[in-house]
Every structure is written in C-alpha cells, then in structure tokens.
Amino acid sequence: MSTLENRPNTALLIVDVQDGVVGGAHERDAVVANVGSLVEKARQQQVPVVWVQHSDANLARGSDEWQIVPELTPATAEAHVDKSYADSFDDTNLETVLSGLGVGRLVVAGAQTDECIRSTLHGALVRGYDATLVSDAHTTEDLTEWGPRRQTRSLLTRTCTGATTGLRAGWPGR
C-alpha cells in the first residue's frame, strides 16, 4: 500500500515503448498488443495514462527510433515525461505529474525489463508508491547470446516474480 498521503489514485505508466527500444525485443508484438490493451482499459476506466520516453546519445529525441511504436498512440491530454536515465523519476517531472493526479499506485508496463523497468519500479517503491509490474506487458531485448545467466525468458520471469502481484494485460483497474 502506498505511503503517500492523499494519493488515492492509480495511474498506468508506460515506459519506453519506442521503436528503437523494442524493435528487437523478446515477443515484441505480443507485448505491444498487451500494452495497447492496458491503455484501452485504463482510458475506459478513466485511469490516467502517463507515457515515458527515453532519449540519450544512442536514442536521439525526435528521431524515428525515439518515436512511440506506431501501434500505440498517446492521447493529447495524457501526460508525457521525457527522461535520460533508467529511472523514470530521475531528473524528470514524473513526481510532479503523479502528485498533480493524486496518484499513489502505479501499474507499470514497457521496456527494457532489465534496465528502465527495474530502475523505475525501484524508484517508485523507494518514493513510497505502490507499484505493480504487469507480467505480460514488459519486455527486453533478446539476451540469449550472453548465455544461460542472461537468457531473456529467465530474466523476465525473475523480474515478474519479484515485482508483481499477478496482474496481466486484462487487469481489472482499481
């Protein structure tokens, strides 16, 4: 449960579902479809959707790779957060956006599981948010070439086991 006072609301946080981030991701199409389902459900239930977009030396703001994947379209009224570090809270306006929405609980989806998702979940938890990772709506690049300890499916499973309460893309918004 959130330790943030006067923050009864939930928001859906979509992290880095950008062409240059998920282009070669594990089960990319299924994960993007699941993220799309989450966005639709959140909108239907009037749960705020917050879009986070990463940029750095390898992912230039405004480039084709920086764009949100074409299957997903942020609504004009939905919040957008630009970031340059793995943790979506680090040196961004995310906390201000969430505070303004009265949000104390986050439902998180997106990419990359092993970097930005994990860092953002940690950032949320240490700030007092109740954070849930949707088990079938996050992904990372294929890591199998790095050997058994870095295999993608194992990494995704370990992250889910440590960070979820079993939500899947059909989450019953609260």
N, C-alpha and C. Protein backbone atom coordinates (compact mmCIF):
# COMPACT_ATOMS: atom_id res chain seq x y z
N MET A 1 0.83 -1.18 0.00
CA MET A 1 0.00 0.00 0.00
C MET A 1 0.88 1.25 0.00
N SER A 2 0.46 2.24 -0.73
CA SER A 2 1.20 3.49 -0.84
C SER A 2 1.35 4.17 0.51
N THR A 3 2.50 4.76 0.74
CA THR A 3 2.71 5.53 1.96
C THR A 3 2.53 7.02 1.69
N LEU A 4 2.09 7.37 0.51
CA LEU A 4 1.91 8.76 0.13
C LEU A 4 0.51 9.23 0.56
N GLU A 5 0.46 10.27 1.37
CA GLU A 5 -0.82 10.77 1.86
C GLU A 5 -1.59 11.48 0.75
N ASN A 6 -2.90 11.34 0.80
CA ASN A 6 -3.80 12.00 -0.14
C ASN A 6 -3.49 11.65 -1.60
N ARG A 7 -3.09 10.40 -1.82
CA ARG A 7 -2.80 9.92 -3.17
C ARG A 7 -3.59 8.63 -3.41
N PRO A 8 -4.91 8.72 -3.51
CA PRO A 8 -5.73 7.50 -3.64
C PRO A 8 -5.80 6.93 -5.06
N ASN A 9 -5.29 7.66 -6.03
CA ASN A 9 -5.49 7.26 -7.43
C ASN A 9 -4.41 6.34 -7.97
N THR A 10 -4.77 5.65 -9.03
CA THR A 10 -3.88 4.76 -9.76
C THR A 10 -3.59 5.38 -11.12
N ALA A 11 -2.38 5.19 -11.62
CA ALA A 11 -2.03 5.59 -12.98
C ALA A 11 -1.35 4.42 -13.69
N LEU A 12 -1.53 4.36 -14.99
CA LEU A 12 -0.82 3.40 -15.84
C LEU A 12 0.41 4.10 -16.38
N LEU A 13 1.58 3.57 -16.07
CA LEU A 13 2.85 4.16 -16.51
C LEU A 13 3.42 3.30 -17.63
N ILE A 14 3.51 3.88 -18.82
CA ILE A 14 4.06 3.18 -20.00
C ILE A 14 5.47 3.69 -20.22
N VAL A 15 6.46 2.81 -20.05
CA VAL A 15 7.87 3.20 -20.09
C VAL A 15 8.53 2.74 -21.38
N ASP A 16 9.03 3.69 -22.16
CA ASP A 16 9.95 3.45 -23.28
C ASP A 16 9.48 2.45 -24.34
N VAL A 17 8.20 2.47 -24.68
CA VAL A 17 7.74 1.60 -25.76
C VAL A 17 7.95 2.37 -27.07
N GLN A 18 9.23 2.47 -27.41
CA GLN A 18 9.70 3.25 -28.55
C GLN A 18 10.31 2.32 -29.59
N ASP A 19 10.28 2.75 -30.86
CA ASP A 19 10.80 1.93 -31.94
C ASP A 19 12.23 1.45 -31.69
N GLY A 20 13.09 2.33 -31.24
CA GLY A 20 14.49 1.98 -31.03
C GLY A 20 14.75 1.18 -29.77
N VAL A 21 13.75 1.06 -28.92
CA VAL A 21 13.91 0.31 -27.67
C VAL A 21 13.35 -1.10 -27.82
N VAL A 22 12.17 -1.23 -28.43
CA VAL A 22 11.52 -2.55 -28.52
C VAL A 22 11.63 -3.19 -29.89
N GLY A 23 12.35 -2.58 -30.81
CA GLY A 23 12.46 -3.11 -32.17
C GLY A 23 12.86 -4.57 -32.23
N GLY A 24 13.83 -4.99 -31.44
CA GLY A 24 14.28 -6.38 -31.44
C GLY A 24 13.96 -7.08 -30.14
N ALA A 25 12.94 -6.63 -29.44
CA ALA A 25 12.62 -7.17 -28.12
C ALA A 25 11.97 -8.54 -28.18
N HIS A 26 12.12 -9.26 -27.10
CA HIS A 26 11.53 -10.58 -26.91
C HIS A 26 10.01 -10.46 -26.97
N GLU A 27 9.37 -11.24 -27.84
CA GLU A 27 7.91 -11.25 -28.00
C GLU A 27 7.35 -9.84 -28.17
N ARG A 28 8.03 -9.04 -28.96
CA ARG A 28 7.69 -7.64 -29.15
C ARG A 28 6.22 -7.40 -29.49
N ASP A 29 5.71 -8.10 -30.50
CA ASP A 29 4.34 -7.85 -30.95
C ASP A 29 3.31 -8.18 -29.88
N ALA A 30 3.49 -9.28 -29.18
CA ALA A 30 2.54 -9.67 -28.13
C ALA A 30 2.58 -8.66 -26.98
N VAL A 31 3.78 -8.23 -26.61
CA VAL A 31 3.90 -7.28 -25.51
C VAL A 31 3.28 -5.94 -25.90
N VAL A 32 3.56 -5.45 -27.10
CA VAL A 32 2.98 -4.18 -27.55
C VAL A 32 1.46 -4.28 -27.58
N ALA A 33 0.93 -5.40 -28.04
CA ALA A 33 -0.53 -5.59 -28.05
C ALA A 33 -1.09 -5.57 -26.63
N ASN A 34 -0.38 -6.20 -25.70
CA ASN A 34 -0.83 -6.19 -24.31
C ASN A 34 -0.77 -4.79 -23.71
N VAL A 35 0.27 -4.05 -24.03
CA VAL A 35 0.34 -2.66 -23.57
C VAL A 35 -0.84 -1.88 -24.15
N GLY A 36 -1.15 -2.09 -25.42
CA GLY A 36 -2.30 -1.44 -26.04
C GLY A 36 -3.60 -1.77 -25.32
N SER A 37 -3.77 -3.03 -24.93
CA SER A 37 -4.97 -3.44 -24.18
C SER A 37 -5.04 -2.72 -22.83
N LEU A 38 -3.90 -2.62 -22.17
CA LEU A 38 -3.87 -1.90 -20.89
C LEU A 38 -4.27 -0.44 -21.07
N VAL A 39 -3.73 0.19 -22.10
CA VAL A 39 -4.05 1.60 -22.35
C VAL A 39 -5.54 1.77 -22.60
N GLU A 40 -6.13 0.89 -23.41
CA GLU A 40 -7.57 0.97 -23.69
C GLU A 40 -8.38 0.82 -22.42
N LYS A 41 -8.04 -0.17 -21.59
CA LYS A 41 -8.77 -0.40 -20.35
C LYS A 41 -8.62 0.78 -19.40
N ALA A 42 -7.42 1.33 -19.31
CA ALA A 42 -7.21 2.49 -18.44
C ALA A 42 -8.07 3.66 -18.90
N ARG A 43 -8.08 3.91 -20.19
CA ARG A 43 -8.89 5.02 -20.72
C ARG A 43 -10.37 4.79 -20.46
N GLN A 44 -10.85 3.56 -20.65
CA GLN A 44 -12.26 3.25 -20.41
C GLN A 44 -12.64 3.49 -18.95
N GLN A 45 -11.70 3.22 -18.05
CA GLN A 45 -11.97 3.35 -16.62
C GLN A 45 -11.49 4.68 -16.05
N GLN A 46 -11.12 5.59 -16.94
CA GLN A 46 -10.66 6.93 -16.58
C GLN A 46 -9.46 6.89 -15.62
N VAL A 47 -8.59 5.92 -15.84
CA VAL A 47 -7.32 5.83 -15.11
C VAL A 47 -6.30 6.60 -15.94
N PRO A 48 -5.59 7.56 -15.35
CA PRO A 48 -4.61 8.33 -16.12
C PRO A 48 -3.52 7.44 -16.71
N VAL A 49 -3.14 7.75 -17.95
CA VAL A 49 -2.03 7.06 -18.61
C VAL A 49 -0.89 8.07 -18.71
N VAL A 50 0.29 7.65 -18.27
CA VAL A 50 1.47 8.51 -18.32
C VAL A 50 2.50 7.82 -19.21
N TRP A 51 2.96 8.52 -20.24
CA TRP A 51 3.90 8.00 -21.22
C TRP A 51 5.30 8.50 -20.89
N VAL A 52 6.26 7.60 -20.82
CA VAL A 52 7.65 7.96 -20.57
C VAL A 52 8.46 7.62 -21.81
N GLN A 53 9.29 8.57 -22.24
CA GLN A 53 10.10 8.39 -23.44
C GLN A 53 11.56 8.69 -23.12
N HIS A 54 12.42 7.74 -23.44
CA HIS A 54 13.85 7.86 -23.18
C HIS A 54 14.58 8.51 -24.35
N SER A 55 15.57 9.31 -24.03
CA SER A 55 16.49 9.80 -25.06
C SER A 55 17.89 9.85 -24.47
N ASP A 56 18.87 9.58 -25.31
CA ASP A 56 20.28 9.66 -24.93
C ASP A 56 21.11 9.73 -26.21
N ALA A 57 22.41 9.54 -26.10
CA ALA A 57 23.29 9.65 -27.28
C ALA A 57 22.93 8.64 -28.37
N ASN A 58 22.39 7.49 -27.98
CA ASN A 58 22.03 6.45 -28.95
C ASN A 58 20.57 6.49 -29.38
N LEU A 59 19.78 7.33 -28.72
CA LEU A 59 18.35 7.42 -29.00
C LEU A 59 17.97 8.90 -29.01
N ALA A 60 18.25 9.55 -30.12
CA ALA A 60 18.11 11.00 -30.23
C ALA A 60 16.64 11.43 -30.25
N ARG A 61 16.33 12.40 -29.41
CA ARG A 61 14.98 12.96 -29.35
C ARG A 61 14.56 13.42 -30.75
N GLY A 62 13.36 13.00 -31.15
CA GLY A 62 12.82 13.37 -32.45
C GLY A 62 13.16 12.40 -33.57
N SER A 63 14.12 11.50 -33.35
CA SER A 63 14.49 10.54 -34.40
C SER A 63 13.39 9.48 -34.56
N ASP A 64 13.46 8.73 -35.65
CA ASP A 64 12.50 7.65 -35.87
C ASP A 64 12.55 6.63 -34.72
N GLU A 65 13.75 6.31 -34.25
CA GLU A 65 13.92 5.32 -33.19
C GLU A 65 13.32 5.81 -31.87
N TRP A 66 13.26 7.11 -31.67
CA TRP A 66 12.77 7.71 -30.43
C TRP A 66 11.24 7.67 -30.35
N GLN A 67 10.57 7.54 -31.47
CA GLN A 67 9.10 7.60 -31.52
C GLN A 67 8.46 6.42 -30.79
N ILE A 68 7.30 6.69 -30.20
CA ILE A 68 6.47 5.62 -29.64
C ILE A 68 6.10 4.70 -30.81
N VAL A 69 6.05 3.39 -30.55
CA VAL A 69 5.72 2.44 -31.63
C VAL A 69 4.40 2.82 -32.29
N PRO A 70 4.27 2.57 -33.61
CA PRO A 70 3.08 3.01 -34.33
C PRO A 70 1.77 2.37 -33.86
N GLU A 71 1.85 1.23 -33.21
CA GLU A 71 0.64 0.56 -32.72
C GLU A 71 -0.01 1.30 -31.55
N LEU A 72 0.74 2.17 -30.91
CA LEU A 72 0.24 2.89 -29.74
C LEU A 72 0.21 4.39 -30.02
N THR A 73 -0.85 5.02 -29.61
CA THR A 73 -0.98 6.46 -29.84
C THR A 73 -1.36 7.16 -28.54
N PRO A 74 -0.42 7.88 -27.94
CA PRO A 74 -0.77 8.64 -26.74
C PRO A 74 -1.82 9.70 -27.08
N ALA A 75 -2.80 9.84 -26.19
CA ALA A 75 -3.82 10.88 -26.38
C ALA A 75 -3.19 12.23 -26.03
N THR A 76 -3.68 13.26 -26.66
CA THR A 76 -3.15 14.61 -26.45
C THR A 76 -3.18 15.01 -24.98
N ALA A 77 -4.24 14.64 -24.28
CA ALA A 77 -4.41 15.04 -22.87
C ALA A 77 -3.58 14.19 -21.90
N GLU A 78 -3.00 13.09 -22.37
CA GLU A 78 -2.24 12.22 -21.47
C GLU A 78 -0.85 12.80 -21.21
N ALA A 79 -0.39 12.62 -19.99
CA ALA A 79 0.91 13.16 -19.58
C ALA A 79 2.05 12.47 -20.32
N HIS A 80 3.08 13.25 -20.59
CA HIS A 80 4.29 12.76 -21.26
C HIS A 80 5.49 13.19 -20.45
N VAL A 81 6.39 12.25 -20.20
CA VAL A 81 7.60 12.52 -19.43
C VAL A 81 8.81 12.14 -20.26
N ASP A 82 9.72 13.08 -20.44
CA ASP A 82 10.99 12.81 -21.13
C ASP A 82 12.02 12.43 -20.08
N LYS A 83 12.82 11.42 -20.39
CA LYS A 83 13.87 11.02 -19.44
C LYS A 83 15.17 10.71 -20.17
N SER A 84 16.26 10.78 -19.39
CA SER A 84 17.59 10.49 -19.93
C SER A 84 18.30 9.42 -19.12
N TYR A 85 17.69 8.96 -18.05
CA TYR A 85 18.28 7.94 -17.18
C TYR A 85 17.33 6.77 -17.07
N ALA A 86 17.80 5.64 -16.56
CA ALA A 86 16.98 4.44 -16.47
C ALA A 86 15.75 4.64 -15.58
N ASP A 87 15.91 5.27 -14.43
CA ASP A 87 14.81 5.50 -13.51
C ASP A 87 13.96 6.66 -14.04
N SER A 88 12.70 6.40 -14.30
CA SER A 88 11.81 7.42 -14.87
C SER A 88 11.59 8.61 -13.93
N PHE A 89 11.95 8.47 -12.67
CA PHE A 89 11.82 9.58 -11.71
C PHE A 89 13.06 10.47 -11.70
N ASP A 90 14.20 9.93 -12.13
CA ASP A 90 15.48 10.62 -12.01
C ASP A 90 15.59 11.81 -12.97
N ASP A 91 15.62 13.01 -12.41
CA ASP A 91 15.78 14.25 -13.18
C ASP A 91 14.66 14.45 -14.21
N THR A 92 13.42 14.10 -13.81
CA THR A 92 12.25 14.31 -14.67
C THR A 92 11.14 14.99 -13.86
N ASN A 93 10.04 15.26 -14.53
CA ASN A 93 8.88 15.83 -13.86
C ASN A 93 7.84 14.77 -13.49
N LEU A 94 8.22 13.49 -13.48
CA LEU A 94 7.26 12.42 -13.21
C LEU A 94 6.60 12.58 -11.85
N GLU A 95 7.36 12.86 -10.81
CA GLU A 95 6.78 13.02 -9.48
C GLU A 95 5.76 14.15 -9.46
N THR A 96 6.06 15.25 -10.13
CA THR A 96 5.13 16.38 -10.20
C THR A 96 3.84 15.99 -10.93
N VAL A 97 3.98 15.27 -12.03
CA VAL A 97 2.81 14.80 -12.79
C VAL A 97 1.94 13.91 -11.91
N LEU A 98 2.56 12.93 -11.25
CA LEU A 98 1.80 11.98 -10.44
C LEU A 98 1.15 12.65 -9.23
N SER A 99 1.87 13.56 -8.62
CA SER A 99 1.32 14.31 -7.49
C SER A 99 0.09 15.10 -7.92
N GLY A 100 0.19 15.75 -9.06
CA GLY A 100 -0.94 16.53 -9.58
C GLY A 100 -2.16 15.68 -9.88
N LEU A 101 -1.96 14.41 -10.17
CA LEU A 101 -3.06 13.49 -10.45
C LEU A 101 -3.53 12.76 -9.19
N GLY A 102 -2.87 13.02 -8.07
CA GLY A 102 -3.22 12.34 -6.82
C GLY A 102 -2.91 10.86 -6.84
N VAL A 103 -1.85 10.49 -7.56
CA VAL A 103 -1.50 9.08 -7.76
C VAL A 103 -0.54 8.57 -6.68
N GLY A 104 -0.92 7.45 -6.07
CA GLY A 104 -0.05 6.77 -5.11
C GLY A 104 0.21 5.33 -5.52
N ARG A 105 -0.49 4.88 -6.56
CA ARG A 105 -0.34 3.50 -7.04
C ARG A 105 -0.05 3.52 -8.52
N LEU A 106 0.98 2.79 -8.93
CA LEU A 106 1.38 2.71 -10.34
C LEU A 106 1.23 1.29 -10.86
N VAL A 107 0.68 1.19 -12.05
CA VAL A 107 0.67 -0.06 -12.81
C VAL A 107 1.66 0.21 -13.94
N VAL A 108 2.72 -0.61 -14.01
CA VAL A 108 3.85 -0.33 -14.90
C VAL A 108 3.92 -1.35 -16.03
N ALA A 109 4.20 -0.84 -17.24
CA ALA A 109 4.40 -1.68 -18.42
C ALA A 109 5.45 -1.02 -19.29
N GLY A 110 6.09 -1.81 -20.17
CA GLY A 110 7.03 -1.21 -21.12
C GLY A 110 8.33 -1.97 -21.27
N ALA A 111 9.42 -1.21 -21.45
CA ALA A 111 10.72 -1.80 -21.75
C ALA A 111 11.82 -0.91 -21.16
N GLN A 112 12.93 -1.37 -21.12
CA GLN A 112 13.56 -2.66 -21.07
C GLN A 112 13.49 -3.19 -19.65
N THR A 113 13.03 -4.41 -19.51
CA THR A 113 12.80 -5.02 -18.20
C THR A 113 14.01 -4.91 -17.30
N ASP A 114 15.18 -5.24 -17.83
CA ASP A 114 16.38 -5.34 -17.01
C ASP A 114 17.02 -4.00 -16.70
N GLU A 115 16.54 -2.93 -17.28
CA GLU A 115 17.15 -1.63 -17.03
C GLU A 115 16.10 -0.61 -16.60
N CYS A 116 15.37 -0.05 -17.52
CA CYS A 116 14.46 1.05 -17.20
C CYS A 116 13.25 0.61 -16.39
N ILE A 117 12.71 -0.57 -16.67
CA ILE A 117 11.57 -1.04 -15.88
C ILE A 117 12.01 -1.32 -14.45
N ARG A 118 13.07 -2.08 -14.29
CA ARG A 118 13.55 -2.39 -12.94
C ARG A 118 13.92 -1.12 -12.19
N SER A 119 14.61 -0.19 -12.83
CA SER A 119 15.02 1.05 -12.16
C SER A 119 13.81 1.90 -11.78
N THR A 120 12.82 1.97 -12.67
CA THR A 120 11.62 2.75 -12.39
C THR A 120 10.82 2.13 -11.26
N LEU A 121 10.70 0.81 -11.24
CA LEU A 121 10.00 0.15 -10.14
C LEU A 121 10.69 0.45 -8.81
N HIS A 122 12.00 0.33 -8.80
CA HIS A 122 12.75 0.64 -7.58
C HIS A 122 12.56 2.10 -7.19
N GLY A 123 12.65 3.00 -8.17
CA GLY A 123 12.45 4.42 -7.91
C GLY A 123 11.08 4.71 -7.32
N ALA A 124 10.06 4.02 -7.82
CA ALA A 124 8.70 4.20 -7.30
C ALA A 124 8.59 3.70 -5.86
N LEU A 125 9.10 2.51 -5.62
CA LEU A 125 8.99 1.91 -4.30
C LEU A 125 9.72 2.73 -3.22
N VAL A 126 10.92 3.20 -3.53
CA VAL A 126 11.66 3.97 -2.52
C VAL A 126 11.02 5.34 -2.28
N ARG A 127 10.18 5.79 -3.19
CA ARG A 127 9.48 7.07 -3.01
C ARG A 127 8.12 6.89 -2.35
N GLY A 128 7.75 5.64 -2.05
CA GLY A 128 6.51 5.39 -1.33
C GLY A 128 5.32 4.97 -2.18
N TYR A 129 5.52 4.78 -3.47
CA TYR A 129 4.43 4.34 -4.34
C TYR A 129 4.19 2.85 -4.18
N ASP A 130 2.96 2.45 -4.38
CA ASP A 130 2.60 1.05 -4.54
C ASP A 130 2.77 0.81 -6.04
N ALA A 131 3.67 -0.06 -6.43
CA ALA A 131 3.97 -0.27 -7.85
C ALA A 131 3.79 -1.74 -8.23
N THR A 132 3.10 -1.95 -9.34
CA THR A 132 2.85 -3.30 -9.84
C THR A 132 3.31 -3.39 -11.29
N LEU A 133 4.12 -4.38 -11.58
CA LEU A 133 4.57 -4.65 -12.94
C LEU A 133 3.60 -5.65 -13.56
N VAL A 134 3.06 -5.33 -14.74
CA VAL A 134 2.13 -6.22 -15.42
C VAL A 134 2.94 -7.31 -16.11
N SER A 135 2.70 -8.54 -15.72
CA SER A 135 3.58 -9.65 -16.10
C SER A 135 3.70 -9.90 -17.59
N ASP A 136 2.67 -9.61 -18.36
CA ASP A 136 2.74 -9.89 -19.80
C ASP A 136 2.78 -8.62 -20.64
N ALA A 137 3.22 -7.51 -20.03
CA ALA A 137 3.26 -6.23 -20.75
C ALA A 137 4.59 -5.51 -20.54
N HIS A 138 5.65 -6.29 -20.46
CA HIS A 138 7.00 -5.72 -20.42
C HIS A 138 7.94 -6.67 -21.14
N THR A 139 9.04 -6.12 -21.64
CA THR A 139 9.98 -6.94 -22.41
C THR A 139 11.37 -6.32 -22.39
N THR A 140 12.29 -7.05 -22.93
CA THR A 140 13.65 -6.56 -23.11
C THR A 140 14.21 -7.18 -24.37
N GLU A 141 15.38 -6.71 -24.76
CA GLU A 141 16.00 -7.27 -25.97
C GLU A 141 16.37 -8.73 -25.74
N ASP A 142 16.58 -9.45 -26.82
CA ASP A 142 16.95 -10.86 -26.74
C ASP A 142 18.37 -10.97 -26.19
N LEU A 143 18.51 -11.60 -25.02
CA LEU A 143 19.80 -11.68 -24.33
C LEU A 143 20.41 -13.08 -24.39
N THR A 144 19.84 -13.98 -25.19
CA THR A 144 20.30 -15.36 -25.18
C THR A 144 21.75 -15.51 -25.63
N GLU A 145 22.25 -14.61 -26.46
CA GLU A 145 23.65 -14.73 -26.89
C GLU A 145 24.63 -14.55 -25.73
N TRP A 146 24.17 -13.99 -24.62
CA TRP A 146 25.05 -13.75 -23.47
C TRP A 146 25.10 -14.95 -22.53
N GLY A 147 24.39 -16.03 -22.87
CA GLY A 147 24.49 -17.25 -22.09
C GLY A 147 23.32 -17.48 -21.16
N PRO A 148 23.34 -18.63 -20.47
CA PRO A 148 22.22 -19.05 -19.64
C PRO A 148 21.86 -18.07 -18.52
N ARG A 149 22.83 -17.40 -17.94
CA ARG A 149 22.53 -16.50 -16.83
C ARG A 149 21.84 -15.23 -17.31
N ARG A 150 21.89 -14.94 -18.60
CA ARG A 150 21.28 -13.73 -19.13
C ARG A 150 20.15 -14.03 -20.11
N GLN A 151 19.64 -15.24 -20.11
CA GLN A 151 18.59 -15.56 -21.06
C GLN A 151 17.35 -14.73 -20.80
N THR A 152 16.75 -14.26 -21.85
CA THR A 152 15.65 -13.32 -21.77
C THR A 152 14.47 -13.86 -20.96
N ARG A 153 13.99 -15.03 -21.29
CA ARG A 153 12.81 -15.56 -20.59
C ARG A 153 13.07 -15.67 -19.10
N SER A 154 14.24 -16.12 -18.71
CA SER A 154 14.59 -16.23 -17.30
C SER A 154 14.59 -14.86 -16.64
N LEU A 155 15.16 -13.88 -17.30
CA LEU A 155 15.21 -12.52 -16.76
C LEU A 155 13.80 -11.97 -16.57
N LEU A 156 12.94 -12.14 -17.57
CA LEU A 156 11.58 -11.63 -17.49
C LEU A 156 10.83 -12.29 -16.34
N THR A 157 11.00 -13.59 -16.20
CA THR A 157 10.33 -14.33 -15.13
C THR A 157 10.82 -13.87 -13.76
N ARG A 158 12.12 -13.73 -13.59
CA ARG A 158 12.67 -13.28 -12.30
C ARG A 158 12.16 -11.90 -11.94
N THR A 159 12.10 -11.01 -12.89
CA THR A 159 11.62 -9.66 -12.61
C THR A 159 10.16 -9.69 -12.22
N CYS A 160 9.35 -10.47 -12.94
CA CYS A 160 7.93 -10.57 -12.60
C CYS A 160 7.73 -11.16 -11.22
N THR A 161 8.45 -12.21 -10.91
CA THR A 161 8.29 -12.87 -9.63
C THR A 161 8.58 -11.92 -8.48
N GLY A 162 9.54 -11.05 -8.66
CA GLY A 162 9.91 -10.14 -7.58
C GLY A 162 9.08 -8.88 -7.53
N ALA A 163 8.34 -8.55 -8.57
CA ALA A 163 7.71 -7.23 -8.60
C ALA A 163 6.22 -7.22 -8.85
N THR A 164 5.59 -8.36 -9.08
CA THR A 164 4.18 -8.31 -9.45
C THR A 164 3.29 -8.92 -8.38
N THR A 165 2.03 -8.64 -8.54
CA THR A 165 1.01 -9.31 -7.75
C THR A 165 0.12 -10.11 -8.67
N GLY A 166 0.60 -10.43 -9.86
CA GLY A 166 -0.13 -11.28 -10.78
C GLY A 166 -0.98 -10.56 -11.79
N LEU A 167 -0.87 -9.26 -11.92
CA LEU A 167 -1.65 -8.57 -12.94
C LEU A 167 -1.17 -8.97 -14.32
N ARG A 168 -2.14 -9.11 -15.21
CA ARG A 168 -1.86 -9.35 -16.61
C ARG A 168 -2.57 -8.26 -17.40
N ALA A 169 -2.43 -8.25 -18.70
CA ALA A 169 -2.96 -7.16 -19.50
C ALA A 169 -4.46 -6.94 -19.33
N GLY A 170 -5.18 -7.93 -18.86
CA GLY A 170 -6.61 -7.77 -18.63
C GLY A 170 -6.94 -7.24 -17.25
N TRP A 171 -5.99 -6.53 -16.62
CA TRP A 171 -6.15 -6.05 -15.23
C TRP A 171 -7.49 -5.38 -15.00
N PRO A 172 -8.06 -5.62 -13.84
CA PRO A 172 -9.37 -5.05 -13.52
C PRO A 172 -9.20 -3.69 -12.86
N GLY A 173 -8.74 -2.68 -13.56
CA GLY A 173 -8.42 -1.37 -12.99
C GLY A 173 -9.09 -1.07 -11.67
N ARG A 174 -8.33 -0.49 -10.75
CA ARG A 174 -8.87 -0.16 -9.44
C ARG A 174 -8.75 1.30 -9.19
